[in-house]
Amino acid sequence: MKLRLQKQASRSCVVQGAHHDKMVIYDVICI
């Protein structure tokens, strides 16, 4: 699985990985 993150000067993004039902779910939170 490849994740592409774009760098934005006005936003800071945090990637959180959570294991659920033998699967990894990635949530990208941008503030």
PDB file of N, CA and C in Angstrom:
ATOM      1  N   MET A   1       0.841  -1.193   0.000  1.00  0.00           N
ATOM      2  CA  MET A   1       0.000   0.000   0.000  1.00  0.00           C
ATOM      3  C   MET A   1       0.878   1.245   0.000  1.00  0.00           C
ATOM      4  N   LYS A   2       0.651   2.121  -0.947  1.00  0.00           N
ATOM      5  CA  LYS A   2       1.452   3.340  -1.026  1.00  0.00           C
ATOM      6  C   LYS A   2       0.588   4.543  -0.680  1.00  0.00           C
ATOM      7  N   LEU A   3       1.138   5.395   0.173  1.00  0.00           N
ATOM      8  CA  LEU A   3       0.405   6.592   0.558  1.00  0.00           C
ATOM      9  C   LEU A   3       1.113   7.818   0.017  1.00  0.00           C
ATOM     10  N   ARG A   4       0.365   8.664  -0.636  1.00  0.00           N
ATOM     11  CA  ARG A   4       0.957   9.888  -1.168  1.00  0.00           C
ATOM     12  C   ARG A   4       0.486  11.081  -0.346  1.00  0.00           C
ATOM     13  N   LEU A   5       1.457  11.789   0.202  1.00  0.00           N
ATOM     14  CA  LEU A   5       1.121  12.959   0.996  1.00  0.00           C
ATOM     15  C   LEU A   5       1.687  14.203   0.344  1.00  0.00           C
ATOM     16  N   GLN A   6       0.833  15.184   0.174  1.00  0.00           N
ATOM     17  CA  GLN A   6       1.288  16.436  -0.420  1.00  0.00           C
ATOM     18  C   GLN A   6       1.668  17.403   0.690  1.00  0.00           C
ATOM     19  N   LYS A   7       2.829  18.022   0.515  1.00  0.00           N
ATOM     20  CA  LYS A   7       3.296  18.963   1.531  1.00  0.00           C
ATOM     21  C   LYS A   7       2.632  20.318   1.328  1.00  0.00           C
ATOM     22  N   GLN A   8       1.934  20.755   2.360  1.00  0.00           N
ATOM     23  CA  GLN A   8       1.286  22.063   2.287  1.00  0.00           C
ATOM     24  C   GLN A   8       1.786  22.914   3.449  1.00  0.00           C
ATOM     25  N   ALA A   9       2.202  24.118   3.142  1.00  0.00           N
ATOM     26  CA  ALA A   9       2.798  24.988   4.156  1.00  0.00           C
ATOM     27  C   ALA A   9       1.752  25.455   5.168  1.00  0.00           C
ATOM     28  N   SER A  10       0.505  25.553   4.731  1.00  0.00           N
ATOM     29  CA  SER A  10      -0.545  26.073   5.599  1.00  0.00           C
ATOM     30  C   SER A  10      -1.231  24.964   6.398  1.00  0.00           C
ATOM     31  N   ARG A  11      -0.853  23.722   6.122  1.00  0.00           N
ATOM     32  CA  ARG A  11      -1.502  22.620   6.842  1.00  0.00           C
ATOM     33  C   ARG A  11      -0.483  21.605   7.338  1.00  0.00           C
ATOM     34  N   SER A  12      -0.751  21.071   8.515  1.00  0.00           N
ATOM     35  CA  SER A  12       0.090  20.001   9.042  1.00  0.00           C
ATOM     36  C   SER A  12      -0.749  18.735   9.080  1.00  0.00           C
ATOM     37  N   CYS A  13      -0.264  17.683   8.409  1.00  0.00           N
ATOM     38  CA  CYS A  13      -1.052  16.455   8.315  1.00  0.00           C
ATOM     39  C   CYS A  13      -0.456  15.355   9.187  1.00  0.00           C
ATOM     40  N   VAL A  14      -1.325  14.631   9.865  1.00  0.00           N
ATOM     41  CA  VAL A  14      -0.892  13.527  10.714  1.00  0.00           C
ATOM     42  C   VAL A  14      -1.529  12.228  10.220  1.00  0.00           C
ATOM     43  N   VAL A  15      -0.695  11.208  10.041  1.00  0.00           N
ATOM     44  CA  VAL A  15      -1.215   9.922   9.576  1.00  0.00           C
ATOM     45  C   VAL A  15      -1.284   8.946  10.749  1.00  0.00           C
ATOM     46  N   GLN A  16      -2.459   8.449  11.019  1.00  0.00           N
ATOM     47  CA  GLN A  16      -2.643   7.501  12.107  1.00  0.00           C
ATOM     48  C   GLN A  16      -3.007   6.130  11.542  1.00  0.00           C
ATOM     49  N   GLY A  17      -2.281   5.097  12.010  1.00  0.00           N
ATOM     50  CA  GLY A  17      -2.572   3.746  11.545  1.00  0.00           C
ATOM     51  C   GLY A  17      -3.223   2.933  12.649  1.00  0.00           C
ATOM     52  N   ALA A  18      -4.317   2.294  12.338  1.00  0.00           N
ATOM     53  CA  ALA A  18      -5.034   1.501  13.330  1.00  0.00           C
ATOM     54  C   ALA A  18      -5.300   0.099  12.791  1.00  0.00           C
ATOM     55  N   HIS A  19      -5.076  -0.919  13.659  1.00  0.00           N
ATOM     56  CA  HIS A  19      -5.320  -2.298  13.236  1.00  0.00           C
ATOM     57  C   HIS A  19      -6.755  -2.684  13.593  1.00  0.00           C
ATOM     58  N   HIS A  20      -7.489  -3.127  12.588  1.00  0.00           N
ATOM     59  CA  HIS A  20      -8.886  -3.493  12.825  1.00  0.00           C
ATOM     60  C   HIS A  20      -9.253  -4.675  11.934  1.00  0.00           C
ATOM     61  N   ASP A  21      -9.671  -5.767  12.548  1.00  0.00           N
ATOM     62  CA  ASP A  21     -10.075  -6.965  11.805  1.00  0.00           C
ATOM     63  C   ASP A  21      -8.994  -7.409  10.825  1.00  0.00           C
ATOM     64  N   LYS A  22      -7.762  -7.550  11.329  1.00  0.00           N
ATOM     65  CA  LYS A  22      -6.621  -7.996  10.528  1.00  0.00           C
ATOM     66  C   LYS A  22      -6.362  -7.090   9.330  1.00  0.00           C
ATOM     67  N   MET A  23      -6.831  -5.846   9.433  1.00  0.00           N
ATOM     68  CA  MET A  23      -6.583  -4.881   8.368  1.00  0.00           C
ATOM     69  C   MET A  23      -6.036  -3.600   8.980  1.00  0.00           C
ATOM     70  N   VAL A  24      -5.227  -2.916   8.196  1.00  0.00           N
ATOM     71  CA  VAL A  24      -4.666  -1.660   8.682  1.00  0.00           C
ATOM     72  C   VAL A  24      -5.372  -0.493   8.011  1.00  0.00           C
ATOM     73  N   ILE A  25      -5.986   0.329   8.822  1.00  0.00           N
ATOM     74  CA  ILE A  25      -6.717   1.478   8.291  1.00  0.00           C
ATOM     75  C   ILE A  25      -5.937   2.755   8.598  1.00  0.00           C
ATOM     76  N   TYR A  26      -5.646   3.508   7.553  1.00  0.00           N
ATOM     77  CA  TYR A  26      -4.895   4.747   7.731  1.00  0.00           C
ATOM     78  C   TYR A  26      -5.827   5.951   7.622  1.00  0.00           C
ATOM     79  N   ASP A  27      -5.738   6.797   8.638  1.00  0.00           N
ATOM     80  CA  ASP A  27      -6.539   8.021   8.611  1.00  0.00           C
ATOM     81  C   ASP A  27      -5.614   9.221   8.517  1.00  0.00           C
ATOM     82  N   VAL A  28      -5.880  10.087   7.564  1.00  0.00           N
ATOM     83  CA  VAL A  28      -5.065  11.288   7.410  1.00  0.00           C
ATOM     84  C   VAL A  28      -5.840  12.486   7.932  1.00  0.00           C
ATOM     85  N   ILE A  29      -5.301  13.081   8.993  1.00  0.00           N
ATOM     86  CA  ILE A  29      -5.968  14.227   9.600  1.00  0.00           C
ATOM     87  C   ILE A  29      -5.180  15.493   9.312  1.00  0.00           C
ATOM     88  N   CYS A  30      -5.816  16.447   8.645  1.00  0.00           N
ATOM     89  CA  CYS A  30      -5.148  17.712   8.318  1.00  0.00           C
ATOM     90  C   CYS A  30      -5.753  18.844   9.131  1.00  0.00           C
ATOM     91  N   ILE A  31      -4.895  19.608   9.760  1.00  0.00           N
ATOM     92  CA  ILE A  31      -5.360  20.730  10.580  1.00  0.00           C
ATOM     93  C   ILE A  31      -5.043  22.043   9.873  1.00  0.00           C
TER      94      ILE A  31
END
